[in-house]
Amino acid sequence: MNSTEERLAELRGPVPPLPHNARTIAALTTNPGCARRAVMDAAGVDKRAIAARVGYAPPYGQSPFAITRTRAFTAQVKANGCAELLRLLRQTLQLDIKEVAYQDLEDAAGNESQEVRHKLARQVLGAAAEQVNEAGTLFDHPLLRLPVGGRQVFLEPDLIAFQYQGIFHVIEIKSFAVIDGQADGGKVASAAVQSAVYVVALRRLLDELGHDPAIVSDRVVLVCPENFSNHAVATRLDVRRQLTVLRRQLQHMTRIDERLTHIDDDVTFDLAPDRDGRPTRAVGELCDAIEHIPARYSPECLSTCEMSYFCRNEARGSTHALGKSVAEELGSVATVETALLLAAGALEPSPEQQEAATVLRAALRLREECLA
C-alpha cells in the first residue's frame, strides 16, 4: 500500500470504503473544483453518515419502495436469459438477433477481490473483442477501472455490455418511467452522464488490450418502464457531448496526492462508532475536520452530494452560493455584501473588481428602473 492509500485509509477510519460508481464520478466531474468531495470520495467516506452526525442529513435518497421496484424491474428485464432485453435490442438496434449468450462477470469463481474481478472482465471482454460473435453476448456486471485524480478506481458496475459483430453497446436499466413517450429530462440527462462514464471506462479497457476504442458505441441503450406498468421500453441516447465533457474534466482534475499534501496529519473523518455502530465522535471536532478541506459549493450540489446542506450553510453569504454563472460573472467579488456595496458605489473596486463593479451598477440601475 502506498502512502496515498494509507492516508486515505486514515481519513476514512477503520471501516470498509464505499466503492465508486458512475454516479459518484459523474458528480465529481460536474464540480471538479471541490476538494472536499474529491478527497471524501477517494477515501471512500460515507458522506451521508458524516452529514447526519453534524446535523445536515440530506433529505433525499431512494425509498425502500423505490429500491424494491428497481430490483424487481431489473430482474424482470433479465429473466429467462434476458429474453425481454433481447426483444428490446432487436427493436432498438434494428438487428436480426435470434439469440444471445449471457455471462455474469460479478462472480469470479467465488473470489470477491476487485483486482480478480477486474482481471476477469479484461480477459472476457478482450476475448470477445478478438472473436467476433455473430450471435452476440451480454456481459453483466463487468468490473471496470478508471483513473480519477491520478488514482485508479474501480467502478462497481450497474450495466450490461452487449457485444454484437465486433461492436459493444452499453445498456443501462433505470426504474424511472417513460410516460407517453416522454421521461423526466433531469433523470435522462443524469443517466446519459452515468452511461458516458461506463463508455469511457470500457473504451479504456479495450484500448489497453490493443483494440480500437471506437468499437464501443457512443450511443447507449436506456431501458425504462413504460407509463405506469412494468412493461419495458428501450431508447438510444447519444452521449457524444457527455463523453467530450467527461474526458476533459477527468484530464484536468487535480491529483488526489496533491490535495492530500494540504491536509493536516491529524485530520480524519472517523466517526468512532460504538459496538452498535452508533457514532461517538464529537460533533464540533468532526465539523473542524470537514471545514479543514475547502469546498466549492453551488446550488447544483443539492441534487448530487450528501454533504451539500452542510456546505450550503458554510457558504452562506458567498457569491458561489448563488450559482456557478453568478460566481463566474462576479469574478473576484467573493461575498454578497461586497457585491451590494460595489453596486451602490459605497466601495471603491480593486483593479480586479472593476469589470464586475460596472456590471453590478448597471444591474442596480435596471432594477430601480423596473421598480419605478
Protein backbone atom coordinates (compact mmCIF):
# COMPACT_ATOMS: atom_id res chain seq x y z
CA MET A 1 0.00 0.00 0.00
CA ASN A 2 1.46 3.37 -0.97
CA SER A 3 1.41 6.49 1.19
CA THR A 4 -1.61 7.92 -0.65
CA GLU A 5 -3.70 4.82 0.08
CA GLU A 6 -2.52 4.79 3.69
CA ARG A 7 -3.51 8.43 4.18
CA LEU A 8 -6.91 7.85 2.58
CA ALA A 9 -7.45 4.89 4.93
CA GLU A 10 -6.59 7.12 7.89
CA LEU A 11 -9.10 9.73 6.73
CA ARG A 12 -11.82 7.09 6.41
CA GLY A 13 -11.18 5.31 9.68
CA PRO A 14 -11.36 1.54 10.32
CA VAL A 15 -14.40 0.87 8.12
CA PRO A 16 -14.68 -0.58 4.59
CA PRO A 17 -14.54 2.10 1.86
CA LEU A 18 -17.64 2.93 -0.14
CA PRO A 19 -16.92 2.00 -3.76
CA HIS A 20 -17.03 4.40 -6.67
CA ASN A 21 -19.75 4.06 -9.26
CA ALA A 22 -20.81 6.02 -12.32
CA ARG A 23 -22.98 8.33 -10.19
CA THR A 24 -20.14 9.40 -7.89
CA ILE A 25 -17.72 10.00 -10.76
CA ALA A 26 -20.36 11.94 -12.72
CA ALA A 27 -20.88 14.15 -9.65
CA LEU A 28 -17.12 14.67 -9.26
CA THR A 29 -16.72 15.80 -12.84
CA THR A 30 -19.72 18.12 -12.53
CA ASN A 31 -17.91 20.04 -9.78
CA PRO A 32 -14.20 19.18 -10.21
CA GLY A 33 -13.05 22.19 -8.16
CA CYS A 34 -14.49 20.82 -4.90
CA ALA A 35 -11.55 19.43 -2.93
CA ARG A 36 -13.84 18.28 -0.10
CA ARG A 37 -15.86 15.89 -2.24
CA ALA A 38 -12.81 14.71 -4.18
CA VAL A 39 -10.97 13.71 -1.01
CA MET A 40 -14.01 12.16 0.68
CA ASP A 41 -14.89 10.08 -2.37
CA ALA A 42 -11.28 9.00 -2.88
CA ALA A 43 -11.17 7.84 0.75
CA GLY A 44 -14.49 6.01 0.39
CA VAL A 45 -16.02 8.03 3.23
CA ASP A 46 -19.72 7.56 4.00
CA LYS A 47 -20.74 11.19 3.37
CA ARG A 48 -24.35 10.54 4.32
CA ALA A 49 -23.33 9.30 7.78
CA ILE A 50 -20.92 12.24 8.21
CA ALA A 51 -23.59 14.77 7.25
CA ALA A 52 -26.12 13.17 9.60
CA ARG A 53 -23.65 13.29 12.51
CA VAL A 54 -23.11 17.05 12.13
CA GLY A 55 -26.84 17.74 11.77
CA TYR A 56 -27.13 18.20 8.00
CA ALA A 57 -28.50 14.86 6.80
CA PRO A 58 -29.66 15.14 3.17
CA PRO A 59 -33.47 14.95 2.93
CA TYR A 60 -33.36 12.78 -0.15
CA GLY A 61 -32.44 9.27 -1.17
CA GLN A 62 -34.20 6.28 -2.61
CA SER A 63 -37.05 4.95 -0.51
CA PRO A 64 -37.22 1.21 0.27
CA PHE A 65 -40.22 1.04 -2.07
CA ALA A 66 -38.24 2.59 -4.95
CA ILE A 67 -35.29 0.26 -4.34
CA THR A 68 -37.58 -2.76 -4.32
CA ARG A 69 -39.28 -1.59 -7.52
CA THR A 70 -35.91 -1.07 -9.22
CA ARG A 71 -34.74 -4.55 -8.30
CA ALA A 72 -38.00 -6.11 -9.45
CA PHE A 73 -37.89 -4.28 -12.79
CA THR A 74 -34.24 -5.19 -13.38
CA ALA A 75 -34.93 -8.85 -12.54
CA GLN A 76 -37.86 -8.85 -14.95
CA VAL A 77 -35.76 -7.45 -17.81
CA LYS A 78 -33.00 -10.00 -17.16
CA ALA A 79 -35.31 -13.01 -16.56
CA ASN A 80 -35.15 -16.16 -18.69
CA GLY A 81 -31.71 -15.45 -20.06
CA CYS A 82 -32.52 -11.78 -20.74
CA ALA A 83 -35.39 -12.69 -23.09
CA GLU A 84 -37.11 -9.34 -22.53
CA LEU A 85 -33.88 -7.43 -23.05
CA LEU A 86 -33.21 -9.34 -26.28
CA ARG A 87 -36.64 -8.29 -27.58
CA LEU A 88 -35.81 -4.67 -26.84
CA LEU A 89 -32.39 -4.94 -28.51
CA ARG A 90 -33.97 -6.32 -31.67
CA GLN A 91 -36.28 -3.31 -31.83
CA THR A 92 -33.89 -0.58 -30.67
CA LEU A 93 -30.73 -1.59 -32.53
CA GLN A 94 -32.70 -2.94 -35.51
CA LEU A 95 -30.59 -6.07 -35.55
CA ASP A 96 -31.59 -9.56 -36.65
CA ILE A 97 -30.58 -11.30 -33.42
CA LYS A 98 -32.15 -14.72 -32.90
CA GLU A 99 -30.49 -15.38 -29.57
CA VAL A 100 -27.68 -14.13 -27.36
CA ALA A 101 -25.37 -15.63 -24.79
CA TYR A 102 -25.41 -14.28 -21.23
CA GLN A 103 -22.42 -14.12 -18.91
CA ASP A 104 -22.45 -12.62 -15.42
CA LEU A 105 -18.99 -11.32 -14.51
CA GLU A 106 -19.87 -10.48 -10.91
CA ASP A 107 -18.84 -13.93 -9.74
CA ALA A 108 -15.13 -14.62 -10.27
CA ALA A 109 -15.18 -18.24 -9.04
CA GLY A 110 -16.27 -17.05 -5.61
CA ASN A 111 -13.44 -14.50 -5.30
CA GLU A 112 -14.78 -11.07 -4.33
CA SER A 113 -11.46 -9.24 -4.80
CA GLN A 114 -11.85 -6.25 -7.09
CA GLU A 115 -8.49 -6.98 -8.70
CA VAL A 116 -9.57 -10.53 -9.55
CA ARG A 117 -12.98 -9.42 -10.84
CA HIS A 118 -11.35 -6.72 -12.98
CA LYS A 119 -8.90 -9.24 -14.44
CA LEU A 120 -11.84 -11.49 -15.30
CA ALA A 121 -13.60 -8.59 -17.06
CA ARG A 122 -10.42 -7.78 -19.03
CA GLN A 123 -9.98 -11.40 -20.05
CA VAL A 124 -13.60 -11.99 -21.11
CA LEU A 125 -14.20 -8.63 -22.83
CA GLY A 126 -10.81 -8.79 -24.56
CA ALA A 127 -11.60 -12.25 -25.92
CA ALA A 128 -15.00 -11.03 -27.11
CA ALA A 129 -13.33 -8.17 -29.00
CA GLU A 130 -10.99 -10.62 -30.75
CA GLN A 131 -13.51 -13.34 -31.55
CA VAL A 132 -16.49 -11.63 -33.15
CA ASN A 133 -19.60 -13.49 -32.01
CA GLU A 134 -22.34 -13.46 -34.62
CA ALA A 135 -24.96 -14.46 -32.03
CA GLY A 136 -24.00 -11.66 -29.65
CA THR A 137 -23.18 -11.83 -25.96
CA LEU A 138 -24.49 -9.91 -22.96
CA PHE A 139 -21.85 -9.29 -20.27
CA ASP A 140 -23.45 -8.40 -16.96
CA HIS A 141 -21.63 -6.59 -14.10
CA PRO A 142 -18.19 -6.15 -15.74
CA LEU A 143 -15.94 -4.52 -13.15
CA LEU A 144 -14.24 -1.61 -14.92
CA ARG A 145 -11.47 0.77 -13.84
CA LEU A 146 -10.88 4.45 -14.48
CA PRO A 147 -8.14 6.93 -13.45
CA VAL A 148 -9.69 9.68 -11.30
CA GLY A 149 -7.44 12.37 -9.87
CA GLY A 150 -4.29 10.41 -10.75
CA ARG A 151 -5.56 7.32 -8.95
CA GLN A 152 -7.07 4.16 -10.42
CA VAL A 153 -10.54 3.49 -9.06
CA PHE A 154 -12.82 0.54 -9.66
CA LEU A 155 -16.36 1.12 -10.90
CA GLU A 156 -18.95 -1.09 -9.26
CA PRO A 157 -20.98 -1.83 -12.38
CA ASP A 158 -24.67 -1.24 -12.83
CA LEU A 159 -24.75 -2.01 -16.52
CA ILE A 160 -24.70 -4.65 -19.20
CA ALA A 161 -22.21 -4.56 -22.07
CA PHE A 162 -23.63 -6.08 -25.25
CA GLN A 163 -21.21 -7.25 -27.96
CA TYR A 164 -22.51 -7.98 -31.43
CA GLN A 165 -20.44 -8.29 -34.61
CA GLY A 166 -17.47 -6.52 -33.06
CA ILE A 167 -19.39 -3.55 -31.61
CA PHE A 168 -20.02 -3.06 -27.88
CA HIS A 169 -23.13 -1.29 -26.62
CA VAL A 170 -23.58 -0.05 -23.05
CA ILE A 171 -27.04 -0.88 -21.66
CA GLU A 172 -28.42 1.00 -18.65
CA ILE A 173 -31.55 -0.22 -16.85
CA LYS A 174 -33.33 2.55 -14.92
CA SER A 175 -36.59 2.49 -12.97
CA PHE A 176 -37.92 5.98 -13.82
CA ALA A 177 -40.94 5.79 -16.11
CA VAL A 178 -41.36 6.85 -19.72
CA ILE A 179 -44.88 8.32 -19.86
CA ASP A 180 -46.49 8.85 -23.26
CA GLY A 181 -43.08 8.65 -24.86
CA GLN A 182 -41.53 11.26 -22.55
CA ALA A 183 -39.28 10.85 -19.50
CA ASP A 184 -38.11 13.31 -16.87
CA GLY A 185 -35.44 15.43 -18.58
CA GLY A 186 -33.24 15.69 -15.50
CA LYS A 187 -33.25 11.94 -14.94
CA VAL A 188 -32.47 11.23 -18.58
CA ALA A 189 -29.59 13.75 -18.50
CA SER A 190 -28.22 12.12 -15.35
CA ALA A 191 -28.49 8.65 -16.94
CA ALA A 192 -26.65 9.95 -20.02
CA VAL A 193 -23.71 11.23 -17.94
CA GLN A 194 -23.52 7.99 -15.95
CA SER A 195 -23.63 5.94 -19.16
CA ALA A 196 -20.83 8.09 -20.58
CA VAL A 197 -18.68 7.17 -17.56
CA TYR A 198 -19.10 3.48 -18.45
CA VAL A 199 -18.38 4.13 -22.14
CA VAL A 200 -15.11 5.91 -21.22
CA ALA A 201 -14.10 3.11 -18.84
CA LEU A 202 -14.95 0.34 -21.32
CA ARG A 203 -13.10 2.10 -24.13
CA ARG A 204 -10.05 2.50 -21.89
CA LEU A 205 -10.09 -1.21 -21.01
CA LEU A 206 -10.24 -2.28 -24.66
CA ASP A 207 -7.62 0.31 -25.65
CA GLU A 208 -5.23 -1.11 -23.03
CA LEU A 209 -5.74 -4.52 -24.63
CA GLY A 210 -4.77 -3.17 -28.05
CA HIS A 211 -8.26 -2.78 -29.54
CA ASP A 212 -9.80 0.25 -31.21
CA PRO A 213 -11.76 2.17 -28.53
CA ALA A 214 -14.26 3.16 -31.21
CA ILE A 215 -15.74 -0.36 -31.13
CA VAL A 216 -17.66 0.85 -28.06
CA SER A 217 -20.67 2.72 -29.42
CA ASP A 218 -21.24 6.33 -28.32
CA ARG A 219 -24.98 5.66 -28.38
CA VAL A 220 -26.14 3.78 -25.29
CA VAL A 221 -29.33 1.80 -24.78
CA LEU A 222 -31.55 3.07 -21.96
CA VAL A 223 -34.20 0.66 -20.65
CA CYS A 224 -37.08 2.01 -18.54
CA PRO A 225 -40.63 1.00 -17.57
CA GLU A 226 -43.31 2.36 -19.88
CA ASN A 227 -46.10 4.52 -18.42
CA PHE A 228 -47.15 3.18 -15.00
CA SER A 229 -46.62 -0.50 -15.77
CA ASN A 230 -43.58 -2.77 -15.62
CA HIS A 231 -43.61 -3.16 -19.40
CA ALA A 232 -40.09 -2.31 -20.56
CA VAL A 233 -39.26 0.14 -23.32
CA ALA A 234 -35.83 1.00 -24.70
CA THR A 235 -34.37 4.01 -26.45
CA ARG A 236 -30.93 5.05 -27.68
CA LEU A 237 -29.11 8.00 -26.16
CA ASP A 238 -26.36 9.87 -27.99
CA VAL A 239 -23.72 10.60 -25.32
CA ARG A 240 -21.01 12.17 -27.51
CA ARG A 241 -21.36 15.57 -25.81
CA GLN A 242 -21.19 13.98 -22.35
CA LEU A 243 -18.10 12.00 -23.40
CA THR A 244 -16.30 15.16 -24.51
CA VAL A 245 -17.03 16.97 -21.24
CA LEU A 246 -16.22 13.93 -19.11
CA ARG A 247 -12.85 13.30 -20.75
CA ARG A 248 -11.86 16.95 -20.37
CA GLN A 249 -12.86 17.08 -16.71
CA LEU A 250 -11.08 13.83 -15.85
CA GLN A 251 -7.94 15.01 -17.64
CA HIS A 252 -7.76 18.30 -15.74
CA MET A 253 -8.84 17.02 -12.33
CA THR A 254 -6.34 17.78 -9.55
CA ARG A 255 -4.43 14.71 -8.38
CA ILE A 256 -5.52 13.28 -5.05
CA ASP A 257 -1.95 13.05 -3.74
CA GLU A 258 -1.58 16.81 -4.36
CA ARG A 259 -4.78 17.52 -2.44
CA LEU A 260 -3.60 15.38 0.47
CA THR A 261 -0.45 17.47 0.91
CA HIS A 262 -2.66 20.38 2.08
CA ILE A 263 -4.42 18.31 4.77
CA ASP A 264 -3.00 18.18 8.29
CA ASP A 265 -1.94 14.75 9.54
CA ASP A 266 -4.41 14.77 12.44
CA VAL A 267 -7.49 15.34 10.22
CA THR A 268 -9.77 12.30 10.00
CA PHE A 269 -13.45 11.58 9.31
CA ASP A 270 -13.53 8.56 11.60
CA LEU A 271 -16.94 8.54 13.36
CA ALA A 272 -15.55 6.31 16.14
CA PRO A 273 -18.65 4.07 16.24
CA ASP A 274 -19.51 2.11 19.36
CA ARG A 275 -20.31 -1.59 19.42
CA ASP A 276 -23.75 -0.97 17.98
CA GLY A 277 -22.41 1.17 15.17
CA ARG A 278 -23.56 4.49 16.63
CA PRO A 279 -21.06 7.33 16.08
CA THR A 280 -19.36 8.72 19.19
CA ARG A 281 -17.12 11.33 17.53
CA ALA A 282 -17.63 14.82 18.95
CA VAL A 283 -19.68 16.93 16.52
CA GLY A 284 -17.50 20.03 16.87
CA GLU A 285 -14.35 18.04 16.26
CA LEU A 286 -15.87 16.44 13.14
CA CYS A 287 -17.01 19.85 11.84
CA ASP A 288 -13.45 21.16 12.23
CA ALA A 289 -12.16 18.21 10.19
CA ILE A 290 -14.72 18.84 7.42
CA GLU A 291 -14.04 22.59 7.28
CA HIS A 292 -10.29 21.92 7.07
CA ILE A 293 -10.79 20.80 3.46
CA PRO A 294 -12.21 23.60 1.26
CA ALA A 295 -15.45 23.03 -0.59
CA ARG A 296 -16.75 24.68 -3.74
CA TYR A 297 -20.47 24.81 -3.14
CA SER A 298 -23.01 25.59 -5.83
CA PRO A 299 -26.80 25.03 -5.87
CA GLU A 300 -26.32 22.08 -8.24
CA CYS A 301 -24.64 20.20 -5.37
CA LEU A 302 -28.01 19.80 -3.65
CA SER A 303 -29.03 17.05 -6.04
CA THR A 304 -25.68 15.25 -6.26
CA CYS A 305 -23.81 15.40 -2.94
CA GLU A 306 -24.73 14.22 0.55
CA MET A 307 -22.62 17.00 2.10
CA SER A 308 -24.41 19.76 0.18
CA TYR A 309 -26.56 21.08 3.04
CA PHE A 310 -23.56 21.41 5.33
CA CYS A 311 -21.61 23.18 2.58
CA ARG A 312 -24.56 25.45 1.73
CA ASN A 313 -24.73 26.66 5.32
CA GLU A 314 -20.96 27.17 5.33
CA ALA A 315 -21.12 29.15 2.05
CA ARG A 316 -23.94 31.43 3.21
CA GLY A 317 -23.19 34.99 2.10
CA SER A 318 -20.70 33.98 -0.61
CA THR A 319 -21.31 34.58 -4.29
CA HIS A 320 -20.61 30.88 -5.01
CA ALA A 321 -23.82 30.03 -3.15
CA LEU A 322 -25.73 31.90 -5.88
CA GLY A 323 -24.60 29.51 -8.61
CA LYS A 324 -21.69 28.99 -10.99
CA SER A 325 -22.85 31.55 -13.56
CA VAL A 326 -23.14 34.30 -10.93
CA ALA A 327 -19.79 33.44 -9.34
CA GLU A 328 -18.06 33.44 -12.72
CA GLU A 329 -19.67 36.75 -13.71
CA LEU A 330 -18.55 38.42 -10.48
CA GLY A 331 -15.01 37.03 -10.61
CA SER A 332 -13.00 38.14 -7.57
CA VAL A 333 -16.07 39.51 -5.76
CA ALA A 334 -16.29 36.76 -3.16
CA THR A 335 -19.20 37.86 -0.95
CA VAL A 336 -22.73 39.11 -1.48
CA GLU A 337 -22.04 42.01 0.91
CA THR A 338 -19.13 43.21 -1.25
CA ALA A 339 -21.28 42.89 -4.37
CA LEU A 340 -24.02 45.07 -2.85
CA LEU A 341 -21.53 47.72 -1.74
CA LEU A 342 -19.94 47.83 -5.20
CA ALA A 343 -23.36 48.09 -6.85
CA ALA A 344 -24.32 51.03 -4.62
CA GLY A 345 -20.98 52.77 -5.17
CA ALA A 346 -20.24 52.59 -1.45
CA LEU A 347 -17.00 50.69 -2.01
CA GLU A 348 -14.12 51.53 -4.33
CA PRO A 349 -13.44 48.47 -6.52
CA SER A 350 -9.98 47.00 -6.81
CA PRO A 351 -8.48 46.66 -10.31
CA GLU A 352 -9.68 43.03 -10.42
CA GLN A 353 -13.21 44.10 -9.46
CA GLN A 354 -13.63 46.93 -11.98
CA GLU A 355 -15.49 44.90 -14.59
CA ALA A 356 -17.75 43.23 -12.03
CA ALA A 357 -18.50 46.60 -10.42
CA THR A 358 -19.62 48.01 -13.78
CA VAL A 359 -21.98 45.05 -14.28
CA LEU A 360 -23.35 45.36 -10.74
CA ARG A 361 -24.05 49.09 -11.06
CA ALA A 362 -25.82 48.54 -14.38
CA ALA A 363 -27.90 45.78 -12.80
CA LEU A 364 -28.84 48.05 -9.89
CA ARG A 365 -29.92 50.86 -12.26
CA LEU A 366 -32.03 48.39 -14.25
CA ARG A 367 -33.66 47.14 -11.05
CA GLU A 368 -34.51 50.69 -9.95
CA GLU A 369 -35.98 51.49 -13.37
CA CYS A 370 -38.15 48.37 -13.26
CA LEU A 371 -39.37 49.14 -9.74
CA ALA A 372 -40.12 52.73 -10.72
